[in-house]
């Protein structure tokens, strides 16, 4: 388990923050919505300070790592698999998507 995921897991355990996975998913989607608001605000010309991005993306990361821990999914392993998948796509189709 990567240190960030371990840090989040220990934080949640110490504070008895084990919740149902559906609530973790809801929390994650809410935090992603906050990031979307920042992006849309920039899209209409509003200057968003880096600390706003940092806070909202930190919330997303916390929510994601909490969900992964609840599901017993190791973030590092999942990321490695995804990077291999993307590498294969790029090599096979000369495409990033």
PDB file of N, CA and C in Angstrom:
ATOM      1  N   UNK A   1       0.854  -1.178   0.000  1.00  0.00           N
ATOM      2  CA  UNK A   1       0.000   0.000   0.000  1.00  0.00           C
ATOM      3  C   UNK A   1       0.900   1.241   0.000  1.00  0.00           C
ATOM      4  N   UNK A   2       0.590   2.190  -0.855  1.00  0.00           N
ATOM      5  CA  UNK A   2       1.417   3.388  -0.918  1.00  0.00           C
ATOM      6  C   UNK A   2       1.233   4.219   0.346  1.00  0.00           C
ATOM      7  N   UNK A   3       2.213   5.027   0.623  1.00  0.00           N
ATOM      8  CA  UNK A   3       2.185   5.777   1.885  1.00  0.00           C
ATOM      9  C   UNK A   3       0.984   6.718   1.986  1.00  0.00           C
ATOM     10  N   UNK A   4       0.570   7.327   0.887  1.00  0.00           N
ATOM     11  CA  UNK A   4      -0.601   8.212   0.946  1.00  0.00           C
ATOM     12  C   UNK A   4      -1.854   7.426   1.321  1.00  0.00           C
ATOM     13  N   UNK A   5      -2.015   6.274   0.722  1.00  0.00           N
ATOM     14  CA  UNK A   5      -3.188   5.461   1.034  1.00  0.00           C
ATOM     15  C   UNK A   5      -3.127   4.969   2.469  1.00  0.00           C
ATOM     16  N   UNK A   6      -1.968   4.589   2.916  1.00  0.00           N
ATOM     17  CA  UNK A   6      -1.809   4.154   4.298  1.00  0.00           C
ATOM     18  C   UNK A   6      -2.118   5.301   5.265  1.00  0.00           C
ATOM     19  N   UNK A   7      -1.663   6.485   4.935  1.00  0.00           N
ATOM     20  CA  UNK A   7      -1.921   7.656   5.772  1.00  0.00           C
ATOM     21  C   UNK A   7      -3.431   7.913   5.889  1.00  0.00           C
ATOM     22  N   UNK A   8      -4.145   7.826   4.775  1.00  0.00           N
ATOM     23  CA  UNK A   8      -5.595   8.035   4.773  1.00  0.00           C
ATOM     24  C   UNK A   8      -6.289   6.919   5.553  1.00  0.00           C
ATOM     25  N   UNK A   9      -5.857   5.686   5.344  1.00  0.00           N
ATOM     26  CA  UNK A   9      -6.459   4.549   6.045  1.00  0.00           C
ATOM     27  C   UNK A   9      -6.302   4.697   7.550  1.00  0.00           C
ATOM     28  N   UNK A  10      -5.105   5.028   7.992  1.00  0.00           N
ATOM     29  CA  UNK A  10      -4.860   5.201   9.427  1.00  0.00           C
ATOM     30  C   UNK A  10      -5.650   6.379   9.989  1.00  0.00           C
ATOM     31  N   UNK A  11      -5.740   7.468   9.229  1.00  0.00           N
ATOM     32  CA  UNK A  11      -6.521   8.630   9.643  1.00  0.00           C
ATOM     33  C   UNK A  11      -7.971   8.224   9.883  1.00  0.00           C
ATOM     34  N   UNK A  12      -8.537   7.507   8.918  1.00  0.00           N
ATOM     35  CA  UNK A  12      -9.940   7.084   9.018  1.00  0.00           C
ATOM     36  C   UNK A  12     -10.151   6.108  10.174  1.00  0.00           C
ATOM     37  N   UNK A  13      -9.216   5.186  10.360  1.00  0.00           N
ATOM     38  CA  UNK A  13      -9.345   4.206  11.441  1.00  0.00           C
ATOM     39  C   UNK A  13      -9.287   4.875  12.808  1.00  0.00           C
ATOM     40  N   UNK A  14      -8.357   5.787  12.987  1.00  0.00           N
ATOM     41  CA  UNK A  14      -8.209   6.465  14.277  1.00  0.00           C
ATOM     42  C   UNK A  14      -9.426   7.304  14.630  1.00  0.00           C
ATOM     43  N   UNK A  15     -10.108   7.801  13.617  1.00  0.00           N
ATOM     44  CA  UNK A  15     -11.255   8.673  13.854  1.00  0.00           C
ATOM     45  C   UNK A  15     -12.585   7.968  13.628  1.00  0.00           C
ATOM     46  N   UNK A  16     -12.512   6.642  13.484  1.00  0.00           N
ATOM     47  CA  UNK A  16     -13.709   5.811  13.284  1.00  0.00           C
ATOM     48  C   UNK A  16     -14.547   6.298  12.105  1.00  0.00           C
ATOM     49  N   UNK A  17     -13.877   6.560  10.998  1.00  0.00           N
ATOM     50  CA  UNK A  17     -14.539   7.092   9.810  1.00  0.00           C
ATOM     51  C   UNK A  17     -14.816   6.026   8.752  1.00  0.00           C
ATOM     52  N   UNK A  18     -15.049   4.808   9.178  1.00  0.00           N
ATOM     53  CA  UNK A  18     -15.429   3.753   8.241  1.00  0.00           C
ATOM     54  C   UNK A  18     -16.901   3.960   7.906  1.00  0.00           C
ATOM     55  N   UNK A  19     -17.190   4.137   6.624  1.00  0.00           N
ATOM     56  CA  UNK A  19     -18.573   4.345   6.187  1.00  0.00           C
ATOM     57  C   UNK A  19     -18.879   3.421   5.013  1.00  0.00           C
ATOM     58  N   UNK A  20     -20.141   3.312   4.701  1.00  0.00           N
ATOM     59  CA  UNK A  20     -20.596   2.496   3.590  1.00  0.00           C
ATOM     60  C   UNK A  20     -19.985   3.005   2.289  1.00  0.00           C
ATOM     61  N   UNK A  21     -19.650   2.091   1.393  1.00  0.00           N
ATOM     62  CA  UNK A  21     -18.991   2.494   0.144  1.00  0.00           C
ATOM     63  C   UNK A  21     -19.856   3.426  -0.697  1.00  0.00           C
ATOM     64  N   UNK A  22     -21.175   3.287  -0.616  1.00  0.00           N
ATOM     65  CA  UNK A  22     -22.024   4.199  -1.394  1.00  0.00           C
ATOM     66  C   UNK A  22     -21.835   5.646  -0.923  1.00  0.00           C
ATOM     67  N   UNK A  23     -21.609   5.831   0.371  1.00  0.00           N
ATOM     68  CA  UNK A  23     -21.340   7.178   0.871  1.00  0.00           C
ATOM     69  C   UNK A  23     -19.971   7.674   0.418  1.00  0.00           C
ATOM     70  N   UNK A  24     -19.006   6.764   0.331  1.00  0.00           N
ATOM     71  CA  UNK A  24     -17.678   7.140  -0.181  1.00  0.00           C
ATOM     72  C   UNK A  24     -17.786   7.587  -1.642  1.00  0.00           C
ATOM     73  N   UNK A  25     -18.579   6.865  -2.425  1.00  0.00           N
ATOM     74  CA  UNK A  25     -18.758   7.229  -3.831  1.00  0.00           C
ATOM     75  C   UNK A  25     -19.460   8.578  -3.944  1.00  0.00           C
ATOM     76  N   UNK A  26     -20.464   8.789  -3.136  1.00  0.00           N
ATOM     77  CA  UNK A  26     -21.173  10.067  -3.127  1.00  0.00           C
ATOM     78  C   UNK A  26     -20.228  11.208  -2.754  1.00  0.00           C
ATOM     79  N   UNK A  27     -19.403  10.996  -1.734  1.00  0.00           N
ATOM     80  CA  UNK A  27     -18.435  11.998  -1.320  1.00  0.00           C
ATOM     81  C   UNK A  27     -17.447  12.292  -2.444  1.00  0.00           C
ATOM     82  N   UNK A  28     -16.951  11.238  -3.103  1.00  0.00           N
ATOM     83  CA  UNK A  28     -16.003  11.425  -4.196  1.00  0.00           C
ATOM     84  C   UNK A  28     -16.627  12.221  -5.335  1.00  0.00           C
ATOM     85  N   UNK A  29     -17.846  11.883  -5.701  1.00  0.00           N
ATOM     86  CA  UNK A  29     -18.502  12.611  -6.801  1.00  0.00           C
ATOM     87  C   UNK A  29     -18.752  14.065  -6.425  1.00  0.00           C
ATOM     88  N   UNK A  30     -19.064  14.316  -5.165  1.00  0.00           N
ATOM     89  CA  UNK A  30     -19.252  15.689  -4.699  1.00  0.00           C
ATOM     90  C   UNK A  30     -17.953  16.485  -4.808  1.00  0.00           C
ATOM     91  N   UNK A  31     -16.859  15.867  -4.410  1.00  0.00           N
ATOM     92  CA  UNK A  31     -15.566  16.553  -4.472  1.00  0.00           C
ATOM     93  C   UNK A  31     -15.131  16.792  -5.915  1.00  0.00           C
ATOM     94  N   UNK A  32     -15.420  15.845  -6.794  1.00  0.00           N
ATOM     95  CA  UNK A  32     -15.114  16.049  -8.219  1.00  0.00           C
ATOM     96  C   UNK A  32     -15.950  17.207  -8.761  1.00  0.00           C
ATOM     97  N   UNK A  33     -17.179  17.316  -8.283  1.00  0.00           N
ATOM     98  CA  UNK A  33     -18.025  18.447  -8.670  1.00  0.00           C
ATOM     99  C   UNK A  33     -17.403  19.780  -8.280  1.00  0.00           C
ATOM    100  N   UNK A  34     -16.757  19.825  -7.122  1.00  0.00           N
ATOM    101  CA  UNK A  34     -16.083  21.058  -6.701  1.00  0.00           C
ATOM    102  C   UNK A  34     -14.932  21.401  -7.639  1.00  0.00           C
ATOM    103  N   UNK A  35     -14.215  20.400  -8.114  1.00  0.00           N
ATOM    104  CA  UNK A  35     -13.132  20.629  -9.072  1.00  0.00           C
ATOM    105  C   UNK A  35     -13.714  21.126 -10.398  1.00  0.00           C
ATOM    106  N   UNK A  36     -14.838  20.562 -10.800  1.00  0.00           N
ATOM    107  CA  UNK A  36     -15.505  21.013 -12.021  1.00  0.00           C
ATOM    108  C   UNK A  36     -15.889  22.488 -11.924  1.00  0.00           C
ATOM    109  N   UNK A  37     -16.370  22.903 -10.752  1.00  0.00           N
ATOM    110  CA  UNK A  37     -16.733  24.313 -10.557  1.00  0.00           C
ATOM    111  C   UNK A  37     -15.523  25.215 -10.772  1.00  0.00           C
ATOM    112  N   UNK A  38     -14.370  24.798 -10.271  1.00  0.00           N
ATOM    113  CA  UNK A  38     -13.155  25.591 -10.478  1.00  0.00           C
ATOM    114  C   UNK A  38     -12.822  25.685 -11.962  1.00  0.00           C
ATOM    115  N   UNK A  39     -12.895  24.567 -12.648  1.00  0.00           N
ATOM    116  CA  UNK A  39     -12.563  24.547 -14.080  1.00  0.00           C
ATOM    117  C   UNK A  39     -13.532  25.416 -14.877  1.00  0.00           C
ATOM    118  N   UNK A  40     -14.816  25.321 -14.576  1.00  0.00           N
ATOM    119  CA  UNK A  40     -15.798  26.137 -15.283  1.00  0.00           C
ATOM    120  C   UNK A  40     -15.613  27.617 -14.975  1.00  0.00           C
ATOM    121  N   UNK A  41     -15.254  27.925 -13.739  1.00  0.00           N
ATOM    122  CA  UNK A  41     -14.999  29.319 -13.376  1.00  0.00           C
ATOM    123  C   UNK A  41     -13.830  29.879 -14.174  1.00  0.00           C
ATOM    124  N   UNK A  42     -12.790  29.077 -14.314  1.00  0.00           N
ATOM    125  CA  UNK A  42     -11.661  29.512 -15.140  1.00  0.00           C
ATOM    126  C   UNK A  42     -12.077  29.671 -16.592  1.00  0.00           C
ATOM    127  N   UNK A  43     -12.967  28.791 -17.027  1.00  0.00           N
ATOM    128  CA  UNK A  43     -13.436  28.841 -18.408  1.00  0.00           C
ATOM    129  C   UNK A  43     -14.168  30.124 -18.755  1.00  0.00           C
ATOM    130  N   UNK A  44     -14.744  30.767 -17.753  1.00  0.00           N
ATOM    131  CA  UNK A  44     -15.432  32.037 -18.004  1.00  0.00           C
ATOM    132  C   UNK A  44     -14.584  33.234 -17.580  1.00  0.00           C
ATOM    133  N   UNK A  45     -13.296  32.979 -17.349  1.00  0.00           N
ATOM    134  CA  UNK A  45     -12.371  34.066 -17.117  1.00  0.00           C
ATOM    135  C   UNK A  45     -12.028  34.392 -15.680  1.00  0.00           C
ATOM    136  N   UNK A  46     -12.558  33.658 -14.728  1.00  0.00           N
ATOM    137  CA  UNK A  46     -12.236  33.929 -13.329  1.00  0.00           C
ATOM    138  C   UNK A  46     -10.888  33.301 -12.990  1.00  0.00           C
ATOM    139  N   UNK A  47     -10.033  34.061 -12.321  1.00  0.00           N
ATOM    140  CA  UNK A  47      -8.728  33.555 -11.906  1.00  0.00           C
ATOM    141  C   UNK A  47      -8.893  32.730 -10.639  1.00  0.00           C
ATOM    142  N   UNK A  48      -8.478  31.472 -10.703  1.00  0.00           N
ATOM    143  CA  UNK A  48      -8.555  30.577  -9.553  1.00  0.00           C
ATOM    144  C   UNK A  48      -7.147  30.419  -8.983  1.00  0.00           C
ATOM    145  N   UNK A  49      -7.004  30.713  -7.716  1.00  0.00           N
ATOM    146  CA  UNK A  49      -5.700  30.606  -7.054  1.00  0.00           C
ATOM    147  C   UNK A  49      -5.299  29.141  -6.916  1.00  0.00           C
ATOM    148  N   UNK A  50      -4.002  28.893  -6.955  1.00  0.00           N
ATOM    149  CA  UNK A  50      -3.490  27.528  -6.883  1.00  0.00           C
ATOM    150  C   UNK A  50      -3.894  26.849  -5.575  1.00  0.00           C
ATOM    151  N   UNK A  51      -4.007  27.611  -4.496  1.00  0.00           N
ATOM    152  CA  UNK A  51      -4.387  26.990  -3.222  1.00  0.00           C
ATOM    153  C   UNK A  51      -5.822  26.459  -3.268  1.00  0.00           C
ATOM    154  N   UNK A  52      -6.693  27.063  -4.085  1.00  0.00           N
ATOM    155  CA  UNK A  52      -8.055  26.529  -4.265  1.00  0.00           C
ATOM    156  C   UNK A  52      -8.005  25.181  -4.981  1.00  0.00           C
ATOM    157  N   UNK A  53      -7.196  25.116  -6.036  1.00  0.00           N
ATOM    158  CA  UNK A  53      -7.013  23.848  -6.748  1.00  0.00           C
ATOM    159  C   UNK A  53      -6.438  22.794  -5.811  1.00  0.00           C
ATOM    160  N   UNK A  54      -5.420  23.175  -5.050  1.00  0.00           N
ATOM    161  CA  UNK A  54      -4.765  22.244  -4.141  1.00  0.00           C
ATOM    162  C   UNK A  54      -5.758  21.674  -3.119  1.00  0.00           C
ATOM    163  N   UNK A  55      -6.568  22.539  -2.549  1.00  0.00           N
ATOM    164  CA  UNK A  55      -7.536  22.087  -1.546  1.00  0.00           C
ATOM    165  C   UNK A  55      -8.573  21.140  -2.143  1.00  0.00           C
ATOM    166  N   UNK A  56      -9.127  21.522  -3.282  1.00  0.00           N
ATOM    167  CA  UNK A  56     -10.184  20.698  -3.883  1.00  0.00           C
ATOM    168  C   UNK A  56      -9.631  19.377  -4.413  1.00  0.00           C
ATOM    169  N   UNK A  57      -8.451  19.411  -5.032  1.00  0.00           N
ATOM    170  CA  UNK A  57      -7.856  18.167  -5.510  1.00  0.00           C
ATOM    171  C   UNK A  57      -7.414  17.294  -4.334  1.00  0.00           C
ATOM    172  N   UNK A  58      -6.995  17.911  -3.248  1.00  0.00           N
ATOM    173  CA  UNK A  58      -6.691  17.155  -2.033  1.00  0.00           C
ATOM    174  C   UNK A  58      -7.921  16.452  -1.501  1.00  0.00           C
ATOM    175  N   UNK A  59      -9.069  17.127  -1.545  1.00  0.00           N
ATOM    176  CA  UNK A  59     -10.330  16.497  -1.130  1.00  0.00           C
ATOM    177  C   UNK A  59     -10.656  15.293  -2.011  1.00  0.00           C
ATOM    178  N   UNK A  60     -10.453  15.451  -3.324  1.00  0.00           N
ATOM    179  CA  UNK A  60     -10.702  14.342  -4.260  1.00  0.00           C
ATOM    180  C   UNK A  60      -9.781  13.168  -3.942  1.00  0.00           C
ATOM    181  N   UNK A  61      -8.505  13.473  -3.713  1.00  0.00           N
ATOM    182  CA  UNK A  61      -7.540  12.417  -3.419  1.00  0.00           C
ATOM    183  C   UNK A  61      -7.897  11.683  -2.137  1.00  0.00           C
ATOM    184  N   UNK A  62      -8.241  12.429  -1.102  1.00  0.00           N
ATOM    185  CA  UNK A  62      -8.659  11.811   0.160  1.00  0.00           C
ATOM    186  C   UNK A  62      -9.874  10.900  -0.067  1.00  0.00           C
ATOM    187  N   UNK A  63     -10.872  11.413  -0.770  1.00  0.00           N
ATOM    188  CA  UNK A  63     -12.089  10.633  -1.005  1.00  0.00           C
ATOM    189  C   UNK A  63     -11.806   9.384  -1.823  1.00  0.00           C
ATOM    190  N   UNK A  64     -10.966   9.517  -2.842  1.00  0.00           N
ATOM    191  CA  UNK A  64     -10.626   8.381  -3.690  1.00  0.00           C
ATOM    192  C   UNK A  64      -9.843   7.320  -2.913  1.00  0.00           C
ATOM    193  N   UNK A  65      -8.836   7.759  -2.169  1.00  0.00           N
ATOM    194  CA  UNK A  65      -8.035   6.807  -1.404  1.00  0.00           C
ATOM    195  C   UNK A  65      -8.856   6.152  -0.296  1.00  0.00           C
ATOM    196  N   UNK A  66      -9.785   6.882   0.285  1.00  0.00           N
ATOM    197  CA  UNK A  66     -10.684   6.298   1.287  1.00  0.00           C
ATOM    198  C   UNK A  66     -11.536   5.209   0.671  1.00  0.00           C
ATOM    199  N   UNK A  67     -12.090   5.478  -0.503  1.00  0.00           N
ATOM    200  CA  UNK A  67     -12.911   4.485  -1.194  1.00  0.00           C
ATOM    201  C   UNK A  67     -12.080   3.260  -1.555  1.00  0.00           C
ATOM    202  N   UNK A  68     -10.899   3.473  -2.081  1.00  0.00           N
ATOM    203  CA  UNK A  68     -10.042   2.355  -2.464  1.00  0.00           C
ATOM    204  C   UNK A  68      -9.692   1.497  -1.246  1.00  0.00           C
ATOM    205  N   UNK A  69      -9.444   2.146  -0.129  1.00  0.00           N
ATOM    206  CA  UNK A  69      -9.140   1.401   1.095  1.00  0.00           C
ATOM    207  C   UNK A  69     -10.346   0.602   1.558  1.00  0.00           C
ATOM    208  N   UNK A  70     -11.537   1.195   1.490  1.00  0.00           N
ATOM    209  CA  UNK A  70     -12.756   0.486   1.881  1.00  0.00           C
ATOM    210  C   UNK A  70     -12.966  -0.759   1.023  1.00  0.00           C
ATOM    211  N   UNK A  71     -12.524  -0.690  -0.232  1.00  0.00           N
ATOM    212  CA  UNK A  71     -12.685  -1.798  -1.166  1.00  0.00           C
ATOM    213  C   UNK A  71     -11.484  -2.749  -1.163  1.00  0.00           C
ATOM    214  N   UNK A  72     -10.487  -2.466  -0.332  1.00  0.00           N
ATOM    215  CA  UNK A  72      -9.247  -3.250  -0.295  1.00  0.00           C
ATOM    216  C   UNK A  72      -8.544  -3.280  -1.649  1.00  0.00           C
ATOM    217  N   UNK A  73      -8.525  -2.137  -2.315  1.00  0.00           N
ATOM    218  CA  UNK A  73      -7.815  -1.984  -3.583  1.00  0.00           C
ATOM    219  C   UNK A  73      -6.579  -1.145  -3.320  1.00  0.00           C
ATOM    220  N   UNK A  74      -5.428  -1.671  -3.701  1.00  0.00           N
ATOM    221  CA  UNK A  74      -4.190  -0.916  -3.527  1.00  0.00           C
ATOM    222  C   UNK A  74      -4.052   0.091  -4.656  1.00  0.00           C
ATOM    223  N   UNK A  75      -3.972   1.353  -4.301  1.00  0.00           N
ATOM    224  CA  UNK A  75      -3.927   2.429  -5.279  1.00  0.00           C
ATOM    225  C   UNK A  75      -2.740   2.284  -6.233  1.00  0.00           C
ATOM    226  N   UNK A  76      -1.586   1.967  -5.690  1.00  0.00           N
ATOM    227  CA  UNK A  76      -0.393   1.857  -6.528  1.00  0.00           C
ATOM    228  C   UNK A  76      -0.539   0.741  -7.562  1.00  0.00           C
ATOM    229  N   UNK A  77      -1.076  -0.378  -7.139  1.00  0.00           N
ATOM    230  CA  UNK A  77      -1.278  -1.510  -8.041  1.00  0.00           C
ATOM    231  C   UNK A  77      -2.296  -1.151  -9.122  1.00  0.00           C
ATOM    232  N   UNK A  78      -3.385  -0.514  -8.730  1.00  0.00           N
ATOM    233  CA  UNK A  78      -4.415  -0.108  -9.691  1.00  0.00           C
ATOM    234  C   UNK A  78      -3.849   0.883 -10.700  1.00  0.00           C
ATOM    235  N   UNK A  79      -3.057   1.837 -10.223  1.00  0.00           N
ATOM    236  CA  UNK A  79      -2.459   2.829 -11.118  1.00  0.00           C
ATOM    237  C   UNK A  79      -1.488   2.166 -12.089  1.00  0.00           C
ATOM    238  N   UNK A  80      -0.687   1.242 -11.603  1.00  0.00           N
ATOM    239  CA  UNK A  80       0.252   0.527 -12.484  1.00  0.00           C
ATOM    240  C   UNK A  80      -0.484  -0.197 -13.606  1.00  0.00           C
ATOM    241  N   UNK A  81      -1.587  -0.845 -13.265  1.00  0.00           N
ATOM    242  CA  UNK A  81      -2.378  -1.554 -14.272  1.00  0.00           C
ATOM    243  C   UNK A  81      -2.932  -0.589 -15.321  1.00  0.00           C
ATOM    244  N   UNK A  82      -3.408   0.548 -14.853  1.00  0.00           N
ATOM    245  CA  UNK A  82      -3.978   1.531 -15.775  1.00  0.00           C
ATOM    246  C   UNK A  82      -2.905   2.109 -16.691  1.00  0.00           C
ATOM    247  N   UNK A  83      -1.735   2.395 -16.140  1.00  0.00           N
ATOM    248  CA  UNK A  83      -0.643   2.923 -16.966  1.00  0.00           C
ATOM    249  C   UNK A  83      -0.221   1.905 -18.024  1.00  0.00           C
ATOM    250  N   UNK A  84      -0.191   0.624 -17.664  1.00  0.00           N
ATOM    251  CA  UNK A  84       0.106  -0.427 -18.645  1.00  0.00           C
ATOM    252  C   UNK A  84      -0.963  -0.458 -19.732  1.00  0.00           C
ATOM    253  N   UNK A  85      -2.214  -0.321 -19.334  1.00  0.00           N
ATOM    254  CA  UNK A  85      -3.317  -0.323 -20.299  1.00  0.00           C
ATOM    255  C   UNK A  85      -3.167   0.843 -21.272  1.00  0.00           C
ATOM    256  N   UNK A  86      -2.889   2.042 -20.736  1.00  0.00           N
ATOM    257  CA  UNK A  86      -2.720   3.212 -21.603  1.00  0.00           C
ATOM    258  C   UNK A  86      -1.515   3.063 -22.514  1.00  0.00           C
ATOM    259  N   UNK A  87      -0.436   2.489 -21.980  1.00  0.00           N
ATOM    260  CA  UNK A  87       0.746   2.268 -22.804  1.00  0.00           C
ATOM    261  C   UNK A  87       0.419   1.343 -23.963  1.00  0.00           C
ATOM    262  N   UNK A  88      -0.348   0.307 -23.687  1.00  0.00           N
ATOM    263  CA  UNK A  88      -0.764  -0.612 -24.740  1.00  0.00           C
ATOM    264  C   UNK A  88      -1.621   0.071 -25.790  1.00  0.00           C
ATOM    265  N   UNK A  89      -2.518   0.918 -25.360  1.00  0.00           N
ATOM    266  CA  UNK A  89      -3.362   1.662 -26.312  1.00  0.00           C
ATOM    267  C   UNK A  89      -2.520   2.559 -27.202  1.00  0.00           C
ATOM    268  N   UNK A  90      -1.586   3.248 -26.594  1.00  0.00           N
ATOM    269  CA  UNK A  90      -0.734   4.152 -27.363  1.00  0.00           C
ATOM    270  C   UNK A  90       0.092   3.361 -28.366  1.00  0.00           C
ATOM    271  N   UNK A  91       0.653   2.255 -27.943  1.00  0.00           N
ATOM    272  CA  UNK A  91       1.487   1.437 -28.829  1.00  0.00           C
ATOM    273  C   UNK A  91       0.679   0.802 -29.947  1.00  0.00           C
ATOM    274  N   UNK A  92      -0.519   0.318 -29.634  1.00  0.00           N
ATOM    275  CA  UNK A  92      -1.319  -0.409 -30.604  1.00  0.00           C
ATOM    276  C   UNK A  92      -2.101   0.471 -31.564  1.00  0.00           C
ATOM    277  N   UNK A  93      -2.554   1.593 -31.081  1.00  0.00           N
ATOM    278  CA  UNK A  93      -3.430   2.430 -31.912  1.00  0.00           C
ATOM    279  C   UNK A  93      -2.872   3.816 -32.146  1.00  0.00           C
ATOM    280  N   UNK A  94      -1.714   4.076 -31.592  1.00  0.00           N
ATOM    281  CA  UNK A  94      -1.134   5.408 -31.678  1.00  0.00           C
ATOM    282  C   UNK A  94      -2.141   6.448 -31.200  1.00  0.00           C
ATOM    283  N   UNK A  95      -2.857   6.081 -30.133  1.00  0.00           N
ATOM    284  CA  UNK A  95      -3.895   6.928 -29.565  1.00  0.00           C
ATOM    285  C   UNK A  95      -3.729   7.004 -28.061  1.00  0.00           C
ATOM    286  N   UNK A  96      -4.055   8.137 -27.470  1.00  0.00           N
ATOM    287  CA  UNK A  96      -3.974   8.314 -26.035  1.00  0.00           C
ATOM    288  C   UNK A  96      -5.272   7.972 -25.334  1.00  0.00           C
ATOM    289  N   UNK A  97      -6.384   7.951 -26.035  1.00  0.00           N
ATOM    290  CA  UNK A  97      -7.691   7.738 -25.427  1.00  0.00           C
ATOM    291  C   UNK A  97      -8.121   6.312 -25.361  1.00  0.00           C
TER     292      UNK A  97
END
